Amino acid sequence: MNRLLIRLATIASVGGLLMKPAAAQVSPTTPNAAQVRITQGPEIELARDSLTIVRWTTNNPGGSPVHFGVVRYGTNPDRLDRTAKSPVRLNPSHAATLFRVRIEGLKAGITYYYTVESEGADGTSDRVKSSIRHFAIAQP
């Protein structure tokens, strides 16, 4: 039995299975899109005082594998002074990217105004921004 285990370990180490750690898989960078466009939305997926989710789709912006959906919002359409961000990993084989951003701590009965955009992991804008929209959270 011991000879069999030693033999299996020797075969595995010669094949590189036991001696080399697996290399980390690096996500490929997608070529930058000539022009990023919002193709769907933005729209409110969920609106509660404990959690609001804003959703929109763009063509694949390309660039760094990690991007951020950014929602700028506030109670005055001329002063969107709050920001919420959520990361998303781009899939180079997909033509579109779905962004979903969580906003927490809003109050019922108040109208909120918002606009959406996206940016690469380094903070560089994808040069796309929605018009200003609004929503209100219903009173319980």
C-alpha atoms as a PDB file:
ATOM      1  CA  MET A   1       0.000   0.000   0.000  1.00  0.00           C
ATOM      2  CA  ASN A   2       2.745   2.496   0.921  1.00  0.00           C
ATOM      3  CA  ARG A   3       4.585   1.743  -2.332  1.00  0.00           C
ATOM      4  CA  LEU A   4       1.410   2.505  -4.278  1.00  0.00           C
ATOM      5  CA  LEU A   5       0.946   5.906  -2.521  1.00  0.00           C
ATOM      6  CA  ILE A   6       4.610   6.807  -3.087  1.00  0.00           C
ATOM      7  CA  ARG A   7       4.328   5.803  -6.739  1.00  0.00           C
ATOM      8  CA  LEU A   8       1.146   7.906  -7.223  1.00  0.00           C
ATOM      9  CA  ALA A   9       2.755  10.911  -5.513  1.00  0.00           C
ATOM     10  CA  THR A  10       5.837  10.579  -7.732  1.00  0.00           C
ATOM     11  CA  ILE A  11       3.738  10.387 -10.896  1.00  0.00           C
ATOM     12  CA  ALA A  12       1.659  13.405  -9.830  1.00  0.00           C
ATOM     13  CA  SER A  13       4.692  15.504  -8.907  1.00  0.00           C
ATOM     14  CA  VAL A  14       6.396  14.673 -12.212  1.00  0.00           C
ATOM     15  CA  GLY A  15       3.267  15.810 -14.025  1.00  0.00           C
ATOM     16  CA  GLY A  16       3.378  19.073 -12.088  1.00  0.00           C
ATOM     17  CA  LEU A  17       0.141  18.503 -10.199  1.00  0.00           C
ATOM     18  CA  LEU A  18       1.595  18.609  -6.690  1.00  0.00           C
ATOM     19  CA  MET A  19       4.633  20.818  -7.157  1.00  0.00           C
ATOM     20  CA  LYS A  20       3.253  23.874  -8.938  1.00  0.00           C
ATOM     21  CA  PRO A  21       0.450  26.031  -7.555  1.00  0.00           C
ATOM     22  CA  ALA A  22      -2.274  26.890 -10.028  1.00  0.00           C
ATOM     23  CA  ALA A  23      -1.784  30.222 -11.767  1.00  0.00           C
ATOM     24  CA  ALA A  24      -4.416  32.877 -11.105  1.00  0.00           C
ATOM     25  CA  GLN A  25      -6.724  33.435 -14.014  1.00  0.00           C
ATOM     26  CA  VAL A  26      -6.513  37.001 -15.299  1.00  0.00           C
ATOM     27  CA  SER A  27      -9.590  38.540 -16.864  1.00  0.00           C
ATOM     28  CA  PRO A  28      -8.832  39.847 -20.353  1.00  0.00           C
ATOM     29  CA  THR A  29      -9.196  43.514 -21.120  1.00  0.00           C
ATOM     30  CA  THR A  30     -11.919  44.289 -23.637  1.00  0.00           C
ATOM     31  CA  PRO A  31     -11.165  46.823 -26.375  1.00  0.00           C
ATOM     32  CA  ASN A  32     -12.735  50.197 -25.564  1.00  0.00           C
ATOM     33  CA  ALA A  33     -16.027  50.893 -27.315  1.00  0.00           C
ATOM     34  CA  ALA A  34     -15.919  53.755 -29.808  1.00  0.00           C
ATOM     35  CA  GLN A  35     -19.018  55.200 -28.143  1.00  0.00           C
ATOM     36  CA  VAL A  36     -20.756  53.898 -25.036  1.00  0.00           C
ATOM     37  CA  ARG A  37     -24.558  54.188 -25.162  1.00  0.00           C
ATOM     38  CA  ILE A  38     -27.291  53.423 -22.670  1.00  0.00           C
ATOM     39  CA  THR A  39     -29.399  50.872 -24.513  1.00  0.00           C
ATOM     40  CA  GLN A  40     -32.010  50.174 -21.821  1.00  0.00           C
ATOM     41  CA  GLY A  41     -33.158  52.198 -18.825  1.00  0.00           C
ATOM     42  CA  PRO A  42     -32.267  53.558 -16.428  1.00  0.00           C
ATOM     43  CA  GLU A  43     -35.165  52.324 -14.385  1.00  0.00           C
ATOM     44  CA  ILE A  44     -35.982  51.629 -10.775  1.00  0.00           C
ATOM     45  CA  GLU A  45     -35.906  47.890 -10.182  1.00  0.00           C
ATOM     46  CA  LEU A  46     -36.870  48.141  -6.506  1.00  0.00           C
ATOM     47  CA  ALA A  47     -37.837  51.151  -4.374  1.00  0.00           C
ATOM     48  CA  ARG A  48     -38.048  50.723  -0.619  1.00  0.00           C
ATOM     49  CA  ASP A  49     -36.755  52.894   2.175  1.00  0.00           C
ATOM     50  CA  SER A  50     -34.323  50.161   3.193  1.00  0.00           C
ATOM     51  CA  LEU A  51     -33.120  49.410  -0.339  1.00  0.00           C
ATOM     52  CA  THR A  52     -33.503  50.937  -3.791  1.00  0.00           C
ATOM     53  CA  ILE A  53     -31.946  49.415  -6.912  1.00  0.00           C
ATOM     54  CA  VAL A  54     -31.364  51.346 -10.130  1.00  0.00           C
ATOM     55  CA  ARG A  55     -30.765  49.273 -13.273  1.00  0.00           C
ATOM     56  CA  TRP A  56     -29.583  50.095 -16.820  1.00  0.00           C
ATOM     57  CA  THR A  57     -27.813  48.458 -19.736  1.00  0.00           C
ATOM     58  CA  THR A  58     -25.091  49.823 -22.003  1.00  0.00           C
ATOM     59  CA  ASN A  59     -23.187  48.406 -24.895  1.00  0.00           C
ATOM     60  CA  ASN A  60     -19.987  46.845 -23.505  1.00  0.00           C
ATOM     61  CA  PRO A  61     -17.789  49.835 -22.586  1.00  0.00           C
ATOM     62  CA  GLY A  62     -14.550  47.850 -22.754  1.00  0.00           C
ATOM     63  CA  GLY A  63     -11.358  48.773 -20.993  1.00  0.00           C
ATOM     64  CA  SER A  64     -10.593  47.420 -17.547  1.00  0.00           C
ATOM     65  CA  PRO A  65     -12.381  44.180 -16.556  1.00  0.00           C
ATOM     66  CA  VAL A  66     -13.956  45.883 -13.526  1.00  0.00           C
ATOM     67  CA  HIS A  67     -16.269  48.852 -13.999  1.00  0.00           C
ATOM     68  CA  PHE A  68     -18.593  50.755 -11.699  1.00  0.00           C
ATOM     69  CA  GLY A  69     -22.183  51.760 -12.180  1.00  0.00           C
ATOM     70  CA  VAL A  70     -22.602  55.226 -10.683  1.00  0.00           C
ATOM     71  CA  VAL A  71     -25.855  56.860  -9.584  1.00  0.00           C
ATOM     72  CA  ARG A  72     -25.822  60.533  -8.647  1.00  0.00           C
ATOM     73  CA  TYR A  73     -28.994  61.450  -6.757  1.00  0.00           C
ATOM     74  CA  GLY A  74     -30.649  63.935  -4.434  1.00  0.00           C
ATOM     75  CA  THR A  75     -33.938  65.639  -3.592  1.00  0.00           C
ATOM     76  CA  ASN A  76     -33.325  68.582  -5.938  1.00  0.00           C
ATOM     77  CA  PRO A  77     -32.822  67.956  -9.685  1.00  0.00           C
ATOM     78  CA  ASP A  78     -30.315  70.838  -9.791  1.00  0.00           C
ATOM     79  CA  ARG A  79     -28.250  69.391  -6.951  1.00  0.00           C
ATOM     80  CA  LEU A  80     -27.548  65.661  -7.212  1.00  0.00           C
ATOM     81  CA  ASP A  81     -25.132  65.707  -4.294  1.00  0.00           C
ATOM     82  CA  ARG A  82     -25.176  62.036  -3.262  1.00  0.00           C
ATOM     83  CA  THR A  83     -23.429  59.158  -5.021  1.00  0.00           C
ATOM     84  CA  ALA A  84     -23.887  55.384  -4.975  1.00  0.00           C
ATOM     85  CA  LYS A  85     -21.575  52.985  -6.834  1.00  0.00           C
ATOM     86  CA  SER A  86     -21.596  49.254  -7.471  1.00  0.00           C
ATOM     87  CA  PRO A  87     -18.907  47.206  -9.219  1.00  0.00           C
ATOM     88  CA  VAL A  88     -19.532  44.986 -12.233  1.00  0.00           C
ATOM     89  CA  ARG A  89     -17.158  42.667 -14.084  1.00  0.00           C
ATOM     90  CA  LEU A  90     -17.258  43.054 -17.859  1.00  0.00           C
ATOM     91  CA  ASN A  91     -17.619  39.924 -19.950  1.00  0.00           C
ATOM     92  CA  PRO A  92     -15.532  40.403 -23.123  1.00  0.00           C
ATOM     93  CA  SER A  93     -17.748  37.973 -25.029  1.00  0.00           C
ATOM     94  CA  HIS A  94     -20.952  39.939 -24.309  1.00  0.00           C
ATOM     95  CA  ALA A  95     -22.044  42.916 -26.385  1.00  0.00           C
ATOM     96  CA  ALA A  96     -23.883  44.529 -23.440  1.00  0.00           C
ATOM     97  CA  THR A  97     -23.290  45.216 -19.752  1.00  0.00           C
ATOM     98  CA  LEU A  98     -26.034  45.326 -17.115  1.00  0.00           C
ATOM     99  CA  PHE A  99     -25.429  47.762 -14.270  1.00  0.00           C
ATOM    100  CA  ARG A 100     -27.314  47.504 -10.966  1.00  0.00           C
ATOM    101  CA  VAL A 101     -26.612  50.015  -8.202  1.00  0.00           C
ATOM    102  CA  ARG A 102     -27.877  49.775  -4.630  1.00  0.00           C
ATOM    103  CA  ILE A 103     -28.982  52.856  -2.734  1.00  0.00           C
ATOM    104  CA  GLU A 104     -29.757  52.499   0.965  1.00  0.00           C
ATOM    105  CA  GLY A 105     -31.337  54.728   3.577  1.00  0.00           C
ATOM    106  CA  LEU A 106     -33.844  56.702   1.520  1.00  0.00           C
ATOM    107  CA  LYS A 107     -37.067  58.010   3.061  1.00  0.00           C
ATOM    108  CA  ALA A 108     -40.633  57.242   2.028  1.00  0.00           C
ATOM    109  CA  GLY A 109     -42.777  60.043   0.651  1.00  0.00           C
ATOM    110  CA  ILE A 110     -39.842  62.020  -0.772  1.00  0.00           C
ATOM    111  CA  THR A 111     -39.166  62.472  -4.476  1.00  0.00           C
ATOM    112  CA  TYR A 112     -35.592  61.634  -5.472  1.00  0.00           C
ATOM    113  CA  TYR A 113     -33.915  62.714  -8.708  1.00  0.00           C
ATOM    114  CA  TYR A 114     -31.078  60.736 -10.264  1.00  0.00           C
ATOM    115  CA  THR A 115     -28.816  60.255 -13.238  1.00  0.00           C
ATOM    116  CA  VAL A 116     -26.620  57.267 -14.082  1.00  0.00           C
ATOM    117  CA  GLU A 117     -23.200  56.818 -15.641  1.00  0.00           C
ATOM    118  CA  SER A 118     -20.367  54.295 -15.608  1.00  0.00           C
ATOM    119  CA  GLU A 119     -16.633  54.369 -15.138  1.00  0.00           C
ATOM    120  CA  GLY A 120     -13.613  52.103 -15.303  1.00  0.00           C
ATOM    121  CA  ALA A 121     -11.804  50.801 -12.228  1.00  0.00           C
ATOM    122  CA  ASP A 122      -9.386  53.745 -12.412  1.00  0.00           C
ATOM    123  CA  GLY A 123     -12.259  56.267 -12.209  1.00  0.00           C
ATOM    124  CA  THR A 124     -12.159  57.188 -15.901  1.00  0.00           C
ATOM    125  CA  SER A 125     -15.658  57.988 -17.160  1.00  0.00           C
ATOM    126  CA  ASP A 126     -17.137  55.910 -19.989  1.00  0.00           C
ATOM    127  CA  ARG A 127     -18.491  59.243 -21.314  1.00  0.00           C
ATOM    128  CA  VAL A 128     -22.147  58.268 -21.080  1.00  0.00           C
ATOM    129  CA  LYS A 129     -24.725  59.833 -18.794  1.00  0.00           C
ATOM    130  CA  SER A 130     -28.503  59.542 -18.634  1.00  0.00           C
ATOM    131  CA  SER A 131     -30.965  62.362 -18.432  1.00  0.00           C
ATOM    132  CA  ILE A 132     -32.296  63.227 -14.967  1.00  0.00           C
ATOM    133  CA  ARG A 133     -35.141  61.014 -13.841  1.00  0.00           C
ATOM    134  CA  HIS A 134     -37.121  60.774 -10.634  1.00  0.00           C
ATOM    135  CA  PHE A 135     -38.903  58.348  -8.339  1.00  0.00           C
ATOM    136  CA  ALA A 136     -40.556  58.323  -4.918  1.00  0.00           C
ATOM    137  CA  ILE A 137     -40.749  55.609  -2.323  1.00  0.00           C
ATOM    138  CA  ALA A 138     -44.344  54.878  -1.342  1.00  0.00           C
ATOM    139  CA  GLN A 139     -45.457  55.389   2.237  1.00  0.00           C
ATOM    140  CA  PRO A 140     -45.788  52.070   4.103  1.00  0.00           C
END
